[in-house]
């Protein structure tokens, strides 16, 4: 079974965030923000997978909304890391990835809701 573009992007984003977290730890900075980021970023794909096997359309949409909330939280943490000024090479790329996932999630939710 071929995964959707959204599933693939969410999985790649989670992998990229895990690598980011490992590199962040090398900075020897307070990692509270990075811990929050890894939790929310890896949760996007997990909730997306749960949505795929939802019990009902309402359950499917609910899980997509949770994934969207986790995505929005991840975007917040990434922007905060940028605002703090940590010298992270691929931060812009991660923000762009997260914004793309957010747009796809919104589109998926709207499509699911309109397919009454």
Protein backbone atom coordinates (compact mmCIF):
# COMPACT_ATOMS: atom_id res chain seq x y z
CA UNK A 1 0.00 0.00 0.00
CA UNK A 2 1.43 3.38 -1.03
CA UNK A 3 1.47 6.02 1.66
CA UNK A 4 -0.10 9.40 0.94
CA UNK A 5 2.05 12.47 0.38
CA UNK A 6 0.89 13.77 3.76
CA UNK A 7 1.93 10.54 5.53
CA UNK A 8 5.31 10.61 3.80
CA UNK A 9 5.91 14.27 4.67
CA UNK A 10 4.89 13.75 8.31
CA UNK A 11 7.22 10.76 8.66
CA UNK A 12 10.12 12.61 7.03
CA UNK A 13 9.48 15.66 9.22
CA UNK A 14 9.53 13.49 12.35
CA UNK A 15 12.82 11.91 11.23
CA UNK A 16 14.28 15.34 10.51
CA UNK A 17 13.22 16.58 13.94
CA UNK A 18 14.84 13.56 15.64
CA UNK A 19 18.10 14.41 13.86
CA UNK A 20 17.63 18.09 14.75
CA UNK A 21 17.14 17.14 18.42
CA UNK A 22 20.32 15.08 18.48
CA UNK A 23 22.25 18.02 16.99
CA UNK A 24 20.56 20.47 19.33
CA UNK A 25 21.83 18.51 22.33
CA UNK A 26 25.38 19.11 21.09
CA UNK A 27 24.85 22.87 21.56
CA UNK A 28 24.79 22.33 25.33
CA UNK A 29 21.84 24.73 25.65
CA UNK A 30 18.69 24.29 27.72
CA UNK A 31 16.79 21.61 25.82
CA UNK A 32 13.33 22.22 27.27
CA UNK A 33 12.09 23.74 24.01
CA UNK A 34 13.68 20.98 21.92
CA UNK A 35 11.98 18.32 24.08
CA UNK A 36 8.61 19.99 23.52
CA UNK A 37 9.34 20.13 19.79
CA UNK A 38 10.24 16.47 19.48
CA UNK A 39 7.04 15.47 21.30
CA UNK A 40 4.73 17.56 19.14
CA UNK A 41 6.54 16.91 15.84
CA UNK A 42 6.57 13.13 16.20
CA UNK A 43 2.93 13.19 17.29
CA UNK A 44 1.78 14.60 13.92
CA UNK A 45 2.42 11.37 12.03
CA UNK A 46 1.22 9.21 14.91
CA UNK A 47 -2.15 10.96 14.92
CA UNK A 48 -2.29 10.85 11.15
CA UNK A 49 -1.83 7.08 11.28
CA UNK A 50 -4.52 6.80 13.93
CA UNK A 51 -6.85 8.82 11.70
CA UNK A 52 -6.32 6.34 8.88
CA UNK A 53 -7.78 3.61 11.05
CA UNK A 54 -10.49 5.71 12.70
CA UNK A 55 -13.79 4.13 13.70
CA UNK A 56 -15.86 6.71 11.89
CA UNK A 57 -15.64 9.80 9.74
CA UNK A 58 -15.96 11.93 12.87
CA UNK A 59 -13.09 10.01 14.49
CA UNK A 60 -11.02 10.46 11.32
CA UNK A 61 -11.61 14.22 11.31
CA UNK A 62 -10.95 14.46 15.03
CA UNK A 63 -7.56 12.77 14.68
CA UNK A 64 -6.69 15.05 11.76
CA UNK A 65 -7.52 18.03 14.00
CA UNK A 66 -5.20 16.67 16.70
CA UNK A 67 -2.44 16.26 14.11
CA UNK A 68 -3.06 19.86 13.01
CA UNK A 69 -2.79 21.10 16.61
CA UNK A 70 0.48 19.20 17.06
CA UNK A 71 1.74 20.67 13.79
CA UNK A 72 0.84 24.19 14.90
CA UNK A 73 2.61 23.59 18.21
CA UNK A 74 5.70 22.33 16.39
CA UNK A 75 5.71 25.44 14.24
CA UNK A 76 5.57 27.57 17.39
CA UNK A 77 8.58 25.81 18.93
CA UNK A 78 10.56 26.10 15.70
CA UNK A 79 9.80 29.81 15.45
CA UNK A 80 10.74 30.28 19.10
CA UNK A 81 14.07 28.53 18.54
CA UNK A 82 14.62 30.88 15.58
CA UNK A 83 13.63 33.92 17.66
CA UNK A 84 16.01 32.95 20.47
CA UNK A 85 18.77 32.97 17.89
CA UNK A 86 20.23 29.49 18.24
CA UNK A 87 22.57 28.83 15.34
CA UNK A 88 20.80 25.91 13.64
CA UNK A 89 21.65 25.23 10.00
CA UNK A 90 18.42 23.70 8.71
CA UNK A 91 15.90 25.60 10.84
CA UNK A 92 14.36 27.39 7.85
CA UNK A 93 13.94 24.04 6.06
CA UNK A 94 12.18 22.55 9.11
CA UNK A 95 9.84 25.54 9.37
CA UNK A 96 9.00 25.21 5.66
CA UNK A 97 8.35 21.46 6.03
CA UNK A 98 6.05 22.09 8.98
CA UNK A 99 4.14 24.81 7.13
CA UNK A 100 3.64 22.45 4.16
CA UNK A 101 2.29 19.72 6.45
CA UNK A 102 -0.01 22.22 8.12
CA UNK A 103 -1.43 23.29 4.74
CA UNK A 104 -1.97 19.65 3.72
CA UNK A 105 -3.70 18.88 7.00
CA UNK A 106 -6.05 21.85 6.62
CA UNK A 107 -6.84 20.77 3.07
CA UNK A 108 -7.46 17.17 4.21
CA UNK A 109 -9.78 18.30 7.02
CA UNK A 110 -11.75 20.55 4.67
CA UNK A 111 -12.03 17.76 2.09
CA UNK A 112 -13.17 15.24 4.70
CA UNK A 113 -15.77 17.65 6.05
CA UNK A 114 -17.15 18.50 2.58
CA UNK A 115 -17.48 14.84 1.57
CA UNK A 116 -20.64 14.55 3.66
